[in-house]
PDB file of N, CA and C in Angstrom:
ATOM      1  N   MET A   1      55.868  60.370  87.142  1.00  0.00           N
ATOM      2  CA  MET A   1      57.524  60.053  86.825  1.00  0.00           C
ATOM      3  C   MET A   1      58.154  59.404  86.005  1.00  0.00           C
ATOM      4  N   ASN A   2      56.631  58.421  84.947  1.00  0.00           N
ATOM      5  CA  ASN A   2      56.966  57.838  83.801  1.00  0.00           C
ATOM      6  C   ASN A   2      56.769  59.387  83.189  1.00  0.00           C
ATOM      7  N   SER A   3      55.525  60.490  82.576  1.00  0.00           N
ATOM      8  CA  SER A   3      55.647  61.469  81.893  1.00  0.00           C
ATOM      9  C   SER A   3      56.981  61.905  81.852  1.00  0.00           C
ATOM     10  N   ILE A   4      57.856  61.946  82.582  1.00  0.00           N
ATOM     11  CA  ILE A   4      58.818  63.043  82.663  1.00  0.00           C
ATOM     12  C   ILE A   4      59.736  62.267  81.909  1.00  0.00           C
ATOM     13  N   GLN A   5      60.442  60.829  82.334  1.00  0.00           N
ATOM     14  CA  GLN A   5      61.469  60.042  81.098  1.00  0.00           C
ATOM     15  C   GLN A   5      60.607  60.129  79.941  1.00  0.00           C
ATOM     16  N   THR A   6      59.235  60.130  79.691  1.00  0.00           N
ATOM     17  CA  THR A   6      59.605  59.906  78.313  1.00  0.00           C
ATOM     18  C   THR A   6      59.127  61.674  77.596  1.00  0.00           C
ATOM     19  N   ALA A   7      59.142  62.856  78.540  1.00  0.00           N
ATOM     20  CA  ALA A   7      59.743  63.472  77.725  1.00  0.00           C
ATOM     21  C   ALA A   7      61.144  63.809  77.927  1.00  0.00           C
ATOM     22  N   ILE A   8      62.137  63.252  78.769  1.00  0.00           N
ATOM     23  CA  ILE A   8      62.979  63.490  78.055  1.00  0.00           C
ATOM     24  C   ILE A   8      63.365  62.407  76.749  1.00  0.00           C
ATOM     25  N   GLN A   9      63.123  61.434  77.446  1.00  0.00           N
ATOM     26  CA  GLN A   9      63.879  60.717  75.528  1.00  0.00           C
ATOM     27  C   GLN A   9      63.573  61.052  74.763  1.00  0.00           C
ATOM     28  N   PHE A  10      62.191  62.376  74.593  1.00  0.00           N
ATOM     29  CA  PHE A  10      61.072  62.195  73.547  1.00  0.00           C
ATOM     30  C   PHE A  10      62.567  63.457  72.556  1.00  0.00           C
ATOM     31  N   VAL A  11      62.631  63.999  73.392  1.00  0.00           N
ATOM     32  CA  VAL A  11      63.550  65.490  73.887  1.00  0.00           C
ATOM     33  C   VAL A  11      65.061  65.501  73.199  1.00  0.00           C
ATOM     34  N   PHE A  12      65.474  63.639  74.198  1.00  0.00           N
ATOM     35  CA  PHE A  12      66.905  63.705  73.205  1.00  0.00           C
ATOM     36  C   PHE A  12      66.682  62.455  71.695  1.00  0.00           C
ATOM     37  N   GLN A  13      65.613  62.468  71.356  1.00  0.00           N
ATOM     38  CA  GLN A  13      65.943  61.611  70.564  1.00  0.00           C
ATOM     39  C   GLN A  13      65.624  62.496  69.574  1.00  0.00           C
ATOM     40  N   LEU A  14      65.012  63.425  69.807  1.00  0.00           N
ATOM     41  CA  LEU A  14      63.965  64.286  68.746  1.00  0.00           C
ATOM     42  C   LEU A  14      66.505  65.365  68.239  1.00  0.00           C
ATOM     43  N   LEU A  15      66.735  65.741  69.393  1.00  0.00           N
ATOM     44  CA  LEU A  15      68.092  66.099  68.853  1.00  0.00           C
ATOM     45  C   LEU A  15      68.973  64.907  68.238  1.00  0.00           C
ATOM     46  N   SER A  16      68.928  63.958  68.640  1.00  0.00           N
ATOM     47  CA  SER A  16      69.782  62.638  67.463  1.00  0.00           C
ATOM     48  C   SER A  16      69.292  63.098  66.364  1.00  0.00           C
ATOM     49  N   ILE A  17      68.234  62.778  65.958  1.00  0.00           N
ATOM     50  CA  ILE A  17      67.829  62.835  64.786  1.00  0.00           C
ATOM     51  C   ILE A  17      67.980  64.485  64.258  1.00  0.00           C
ATOM     52  N   VAL A  18      67.825  65.061  64.818  1.00  0.00           N
ATOM     53  CA  VAL A  18      68.399  66.334  63.859  1.00  0.00           C
ATOM     54  C   VAL A  18      69.995  66.764  63.896  1.00  0.00           C
ATOM     55  N   ILE A  19      70.793  65.548  64.449  1.00  0.00           N
ATOM     56  CA  ILE A  19      72.209  66.258  64.283  1.00  0.00           C
ATOM     57  C   ILE A  19      72.342  64.695  63.162  1.00  0.00           C
ATOM     58  N   ILE A  20      71.755  63.728  62.662  1.00  0.00           N
ATOM     59  CA  ILE A  20      72.025  62.949  61.953  1.00  0.00           C
ATOM     60  C   ILE A  20      71.058  63.649  60.252  1.00  0.00           C
ATOM     61  N   ALA A  21      70.282  64.824  60.210  1.00  0.00           N
ATOM     62  CA  ALA A  21      69.392  65.266  59.940  1.00  0.00           C
ATOM     63  C   ALA A  21      70.769  65.716  59.204  1.00  0.00           C
ATOM     64  N   ASP A  22      71.452  66.497  60.117  1.00  0.00           N
ATOM     65  CA  ASP A  22      71.991  67.335  58.891  1.00  0.00           C
ATOM     66  C   ASP A  22      73.793  66.755  58.854  1.00  0.00           C
ATOM     67  N   VAL A  23      73.957  65.492  59.886  1.00  0.00           N
ATOM     68  CA  VAL A  23      75.239  65.318  58.982  1.00  0.00           C
ATOM     69  C   VAL A  23      74.495  63.874  57.386  1.00  0.00           C
ATOM     70  N   PHE A  24      73.665  64.207  57.231  1.00  0.00           N
ATOM     71  CA  PHE A  24      73.057  63.631  55.856  1.00  0.00           C
ATOM     72  C   PHE A  24      72.816  64.510  54.994  1.00  0.00           C
ATOM     73  N   LEU A  25      72.333  65.723  55.262  1.00  0.00           N
ATOM     74  CA  LEU A  25      71.918  66.486  54.764  1.00  0.00           C
ATOM     75  C   LEU A  25      72.873  67.204  54.106  1.00  0.00           C
ATOM     76  N   SER A  26      73.932  67.346  54.849  1.00  0.00           N
ATOM     77  CA  SER A  26      75.553  67.393  54.314  1.00  0.00           C
ATOM     78  C   SER A  26      76.665  67.376  52.826  1.00  0.00           C
ATOM     79  N   PHE A  27      75.443  65.883  53.270  1.00  0.00           N
ATOM     80  CA  PHE A  27      76.746  65.592  51.368  1.00  0.00           C
ATOM     81  C   PHE A  27      75.596  66.201  50.666  1.00  0.00           C
ATOM     82  N   PHE A  28      74.553  66.328  50.782  1.00  0.00           N
ATOM     83  CA  PHE A  28      73.568  66.198  49.174  1.00  0.00           C
ATOM     84  C   PHE A  28      72.457  67.982  49.207  1.00  0.00           C
ATOM     85  N   LEU A  29      73.254  68.417  50.254  1.00  0.00           N
ATOM     86  CA  LEU A  29      72.293  69.882  50.157  1.00  0.00           C
ATOM     87  C   LEU A  29      73.965  70.989  50.175  1.00  0.00           C
ATOM     88  N   PRO A  30      73.299  72.267  49.560  1.00  0.00           N
ATOM     89  CA  PRO A  30      74.581  73.394  49.627  1.00  0.00           C
ATOM     90  C   PRO A  30      74.495  74.207  50.516  1.00  0.00           C
ATOM     91  N   PRO A  31      75.833  74.644  51.040  1.00  0.00           N
ATOM     92  CA  PRO A  31      75.715  75.029  52.559  1.00  0.00           C
ATOM     93  C   PRO A  31      74.670  76.412  52.668  1.00  0.00           C
ATOM     94  N   ASP A  32      75.022  76.707  51.765  1.00  0.00           N
ATOM     95  CA  ASP A  32      74.011  78.140  51.869  1.00  0.00           C
ATOM     96  C   ASP A  32      71.596  77.368  51.485  1.00  0.00           C
ATOM     97  N   ASN A  33      71.495  77.015  51.522  1.00  0.00           N
ATOM     98  CA  ASN A  33      70.449  75.635  51.691  1.00  0.00           C
ATOM     99  C   ASN A  33      70.225  76.177  52.777  1.00  0.00           C
ATOM    100  N   GLN A  34      68.327  76.746  52.856  1.00  0.00           N
ATOM    101  CA  GLN A  34      67.950  77.755  54.585  1.00  0.00           C
ATOM    102  C   GLN A  34      67.930  76.145  54.737  1.00  0.00           C
ATOM    103  N   ILE A  35      67.662  74.816  54.567  1.00  0.00           N
ATOM    104  CA  ILE A  35      67.627  73.631  56.021  1.00  0.00           C
ATOM    105  C   ILE A  35      68.133  73.267  56.390  1.00  0.00           C
ATOM    106  N   ARG A  36      69.642  73.575  56.231  1.00  0.00           N
ATOM    107  CA  ARG A  36      70.454  72.752  55.807  1.00  0.00           C
ATOM    108  C   ARG A  36      71.557  74.324  56.754  1.00  0.00           C
ATOM    109  N   TYR A  37      70.816  75.729  56.445  1.00  0.00           N
ATOM    110  CA  TYR A  37      72.190  76.039  57.370  1.00  0.00           C
ATOM    111  C   TYR A  37      71.393  75.984  58.489  1.00  0.00           C
ATOM    112  N   THR A  38      69.783  76.336  58.823  1.00  0.00           N
ATOM    113  CA  THR A  38      69.172  76.100  59.828  1.00  0.00           C
ATOM    114  C   THR A  38      69.327  75.261  60.812  1.00  0.00           C
ATOM    115  N   LEU A  39      70.200  73.955  59.932  1.00  0.00           N
ATOM    116  CA  LEU A  39      70.133  71.973  60.799  1.00  0.00           C
ATOM    117  C   LEU A  39      71.462  72.780  61.060  1.00  0.00           C
ATOM    118  N   ASP A  40      72.556  73.496  60.792  1.00  0.00           N
ATOM    119  CA  ASP A  40      73.915  73.960  60.927  1.00  0.00           C
ATOM    120  C   ASP A  40      74.133  74.443  62.059  1.00  0.00           C
ATOM    121  N   ARG A  41      72.606  76.019  62.390  1.00  0.00           N
ATOM    122  CA  ARG A  41      73.191  76.566  63.868  1.00  0.00           C
ATOM    123  C   ARG A  41      73.000  75.845  65.252  1.00  0.00           C
ATOM    124  N   LEU A  42      71.689  75.533  64.949  1.00  0.00           N
ATOM    125  CA  LEU A  42      71.205  74.150  65.707  1.00  0.00           C
ATOM    126  C   LEU A  42      72.228  73.577  66.183  1.00  0.00           C
ATOM    127  N   VAL A  43      72.968  72.829  65.686  1.00  0.00           N
ATOM    128  CA  VAL A  43      74.422  71.476  65.384  1.00  0.00           C
ATOM    129  C   VAL A  43      75.147  71.383  65.897  1.00  0.00           C
ATOM    130  N   GLN A  44      75.710  73.168  65.570  1.00  0.00           N
ATOM    131  CA  GLN A  44      77.784  73.443  65.717  1.00  0.00           C
ATOM    132  C   GLN A  44      78.178  73.514  66.727  1.00  0.00           C
ATOM    133  N   PRO A  45      77.147  74.561  67.260  1.00  0.00           N
ATOM    134  CA  PRO A  45      77.330  74.756  68.496  1.00  0.00           C
ATOM    135  C   PRO A  45      77.720  73.393  69.887  1.00  0.00           C
ATOM    136  N   MET A  46      77.391  72.457  69.451  1.00  0.00           N
ATOM    137  CA  MET A  46      77.340  71.605  70.307  1.00  0.00           C
ATOM    138  C   MET A  46      78.839  70.944  69.484  1.00  0.00           C
ATOM    139  N   LEU A  47      79.203  70.390  68.713  1.00  0.00           N
ATOM    140  CA  LEU A  47      80.233  69.879  67.568  1.00  0.00           C
ATOM    141  C   LEU A  47      81.640  71.126  67.364  1.00  0.00           C
ATOM    142  N   ARG A  48      81.603  72.173  67.437  1.00  0.00           N
ATOM    143  CA  ARG A  48      82.125  72.522  68.146  1.00  0.00           C
ATOM    144  C   ARG A  48      83.607  72.268  69.166  1.00  0.00           C
ATOM    145  N   PRO A  49      83.194  71.699  70.243  1.00  0.00           N
ATOM    146  CA  PRO A  49      83.648  71.151  71.329  1.00  0.00           C
ATOM    147  C   PRO A  49      84.761  70.319  71.739  1.00  0.00           C
ATOM    148  N   ILE A  50      83.190  69.098  70.520  1.00  0.00           N
ATOM    149  CA  ILE A  50      83.821  68.402  70.509  1.00  0.00           C
ATOM    150  C   ILE A  50      84.998  68.321  69.045  1.00  0.00           C
ATOM    151  N   GLN A  51      85.177  68.721  67.740  1.00  0.00           N
ATOM    152  CA  GLN A  51      85.985  69.113  66.444  1.00  0.00           C
ATOM    153  C   GLN A  51      87.499  69.616  67.687  1.00  0.00           C
ATOM    154  N   ARG A  52      87.468  70.058  68.098  1.00  0.00           N
ATOM    155  CA  ARG A  52      88.524  70.272  68.975  1.00  0.00           C
ATOM    156  C   ARG A  52      89.670  68.932  69.309  1.00  0.00           C
ATOM    157  N   TYR A  53      89.333  68.420  69.648  1.00  0.00           N
ATOM    158  CA  TYR A  53      89.112  67.284  70.140  1.00  0.00           C
ATOM    159  C   TYR A  53      89.648  66.111  69.406  1.00  0.00           C
ATOM    160  N   VAL A  54      88.078  65.599  68.495  1.00  0.00           N
ATOM    161  CA  VAL A  54      88.543  64.744  67.272  1.00  0.00           C
ATOM    162  C   VAL A  54      88.587  65.335  66.705  1.00  0.00           C
ATOM    163  N   PRO A  55      90.036  65.259  65.478  1.00  0.00           N
ATOM    164  CA  PRO A  55      89.578  65.858  63.935  1.00  0.00           C
ATOM    165  C   PRO A  55      89.306  65.260  63.374  1.00  0.00           C
ATOM    166  N   PRO A  56      89.586  66.032  61.962  1.00  0.00           N
ATOM    167  CA  PRO A  56      88.774  64.680  61.338  1.00  0.00           C
ATOM    168  C   PRO A  56      89.375  63.504  60.350  1.00  0.00           C
ATOM    169  N   VAL A  57      89.980  62.509  59.709  1.00  0.00           N
ATOM    170  CA  VAL A  57      90.353  61.351  59.534  1.00  0.00           C
ATOM    171  C   VAL A  57      89.819  61.573  58.266  1.00  0.00           C
ATOM    172  N   GLY A  58      90.428  62.247  57.568  1.00  0.00           N
ATOM    173  CA  GLY A  58      90.583  62.110  55.786  1.00  0.00           C
ATOM    174  C   GLY A  58      88.908  63.576  55.563  1.00  0.00           C
ATOM    175  N   ASN A  59      88.419  62.434  55.107  1.00  0.00           N
ATOM    176  CA  ASN A  59      87.128  63.725  54.317  1.00  0.00           C
ATOM    177  C   ASN A  59      86.264  62.726  55.428  1.00  0.00           C
ATOM    178  N   PHE A  60      86.148  62.328  56.468  1.00  0.00           N
ATOM    179  CA  PHE A  60      85.038  62.220  57.151  1.00  0.00           C
ATOM    180  C   PHE A  60      85.230  62.798  59.183  1.00  0.00           C
ATOM    181  N   ASP A  61      84.195  62.808  58.836  1.00  0.00           N
ATOM    182  CA  ASP A  61      84.388  63.935  60.904  1.00  0.00           C
ATOM    183  C   ASP A  61      83.832  62.903  61.581  1.00  0.00           C
ATOM    184  N   PHE A  62      84.633  62.743  62.940  1.00  0.00           N
ATOM    185  CA  PHE A  62      83.490  61.805  63.828  1.00  0.00           C
ATOM    186  C   PHE A  62      82.602  62.703  64.637  1.00  0.00           C
ATOM    187  N   SER A  63      83.222  63.783  64.963  1.00  0.00           N
ATOM    188  CA  SER A  63      82.852  64.626  66.214  1.00  0.00           C
ATOM    189  C   SER A  63      80.715  63.725  66.390  1.00  0.00           C
ATOM    190  N   PRO A  64      80.609  64.078  65.099  1.00  0.00           N
ATOM    191  CA  PRO A  64      78.704  63.726  65.389  1.00  0.00           C
ATOM    192  C   PRO A  64      78.274  61.823  65.736  1.00  0.00           C
ATOM    193  N   VAL A  65      79.460  61.620  65.592  1.00  0.00           N
ATOM    194  CA  VAL A  65      79.237  60.137  66.064  1.00  0.00           C
ATOM    195  C   VAL A  65      79.749  59.970  67.861  1.00  0.00           C
ATOM    196  N   VAL A  66      80.315  61.408  67.925  1.00  0.00           N
ATOM    197  CA  VAL A  66      80.855  61.068  69.186  1.00  0.00           C
ATOM    198  C   VAL A  66      79.475  62.025  69.947  1.00  0.00           C
ATOM    199  N   LEU A  67      78.822  62.879  69.556  1.00  0.00           N
ATOM    200  CA  LEU A  67      77.785  64.140  70.538  1.00  0.00           C
ATOM    201  C   LEU A  67      76.544  62.325  70.249  1.00  0.00           C
ATOM    202  N   LEU A  68      76.431  61.862  69.905  1.00  0.00           N
ATOM    203  CA  LEU A  68      75.741  60.840  69.770  1.00  0.00           C
ATOM    204  C   LEU A  68      75.453  60.110  70.719  1.00  0.00           C
ATOM    205  N   ILE A  69      76.943  58.898  70.658  1.00  0.00           N
ATOM    206  CA  ILE A  69      76.852  58.943  71.955  1.00  0.00           C
ATOM    207  C   ILE A  69      77.321  59.746  73.380  1.00  0.00           C
ATOM    208  N   LEU A  70      77.265  60.979  73.750  1.00  0.00           N
ATOM    209  CA  LEU A  70      78.071  61.477  74.704  1.00  0.00           C
ATOM    210  C   LEU A  70      75.642  62.201  74.249  1.00  0.00           C
ATOM    211  N   ILE A  71      74.919  62.129  73.864  1.00  0.00           N
ATOM    212  CA  ILE A  71      74.445  62.371  74.356  1.00  0.00           C
ATOM    213  C   ILE A  71      73.257  60.963  74.748  1.00  0.00           C
ATOM    214  N   GLU A  72      73.554  59.932  74.866  1.00  0.00           N
ATOM    215  CA  GLU A  72      72.836  58.593  75.199  1.00  0.00           C
ATOM    216  C   GLU A  72      72.875  58.122  76.287  1.00  0.00           C
ATOM    217  N   ILE A  73      74.524  58.849  76.560  1.00  0.00           N
ATOM    218  CA  ILE A  73      74.806  59.067  78.077  1.00  0.00           C
ATOM    219  C   ILE A  73      74.194  59.647  79.046  1.00  0.00           C
ATOM    220  N   ILE A  74      73.860  61.340  78.722  1.00  0.00           N
ATOM    221  CA  ILE A  74      73.896  61.689  79.438  1.00  0.00           C
ATOM    222  C   ILE A  74      72.020  61.044  79.477  1.00  0.00           C
ATOM    223  N   GLU A  75      71.653  61.719  78.390  1.00  0.00           N
ATOM    224  CA  GLU A  75      70.222  60.460  78.666  1.00  0.00           C
ATOM    225  C   GLU A  75      70.162  59.653  79.888  1.00  0.00           C
ATOM    226  N   ALA A  76      70.729  58.313  79.353  1.00  0.00           N
ATOM    227  CA  ALA A  76      71.260  57.516  80.439  1.00  0.00           C
ATOM    228  C   ALA A  76      71.570  57.739  81.125  1.00  0.00           C
ATOM    229  N   VAL A  77      71.782  58.930  81.885  1.00  0.00           N
ATOM    230  CA  VAL A  77      72.265  59.318  83.759  1.00  0.00           C
ATOM    231  C   VAL A  77      71.201  60.610  83.600  1.00  0.00           C
ATOM    232  N   ILE A  78      70.459  60.571  83.043  1.00  0.00           N
ATOM    233  CA  ILE A  78      69.729  62.237  83.524  1.00  0.00           C
ATOM    234  C   ILE A  78      68.059  60.641  83.717  1.00  0.00           C
ATOM    235  N   ILE A  79      67.717  59.839  83.603  1.00  0.00           N
ATOM    236  CA  ILE A  79      66.525  59.040  83.541  1.00  0.00           C
ATOM    237  C   ILE A  79      67.026  57.902  84.615  1.00  0.00           C
ATOM    238  N   ARG A  80      68.391  58.367  84.625  1.00  0.00           N
ATOM    239  CA  ARG A  80      68.971  57.610  85.758  1.00  0.00           C
ATOM    240  C   ARG A  80      68.595  57.907  86.967  1.00  0.00           C
ATOM    241  N   ILE A  81      69.255  59.271  87.750  1.00  0.00           N
ATOM    242  CA  ILE A  81      68.305  60.373  88.905  1.00  0.00           C
ATOM    243  C   ILE A  81      67.536  60.541  88.658  1.00  0.00           C
ATOM    244  N   ILE A  82      65.849  60.479  87.638  1.00  0.00           N
ATOM    245  CA  ILE A  82      64.664  61.238  88.269  1.00  0.00           C
ATOM    246  C   ILE A  82      64.696  59.203  88.492  1.00  0.00           C
TER     247      ILE A  82
END
């Protein structure tokens, strides 16, 4: 069980890092940059449903924050089930 729990935690941590990297790089890299394009393709499908309910405030988009919170909740639920 411990190895399954570790694997699940690793996957969710990796997903969180990808989301944070996507947000961070969006401030510095142009949209046509290959790294940013790849990260956007991974993250945007998860952000789109949240963006329908959480509109941007000014120039700040809170949907990645909401996604990170949801990921933490889902991870905790999965770990408890196991």
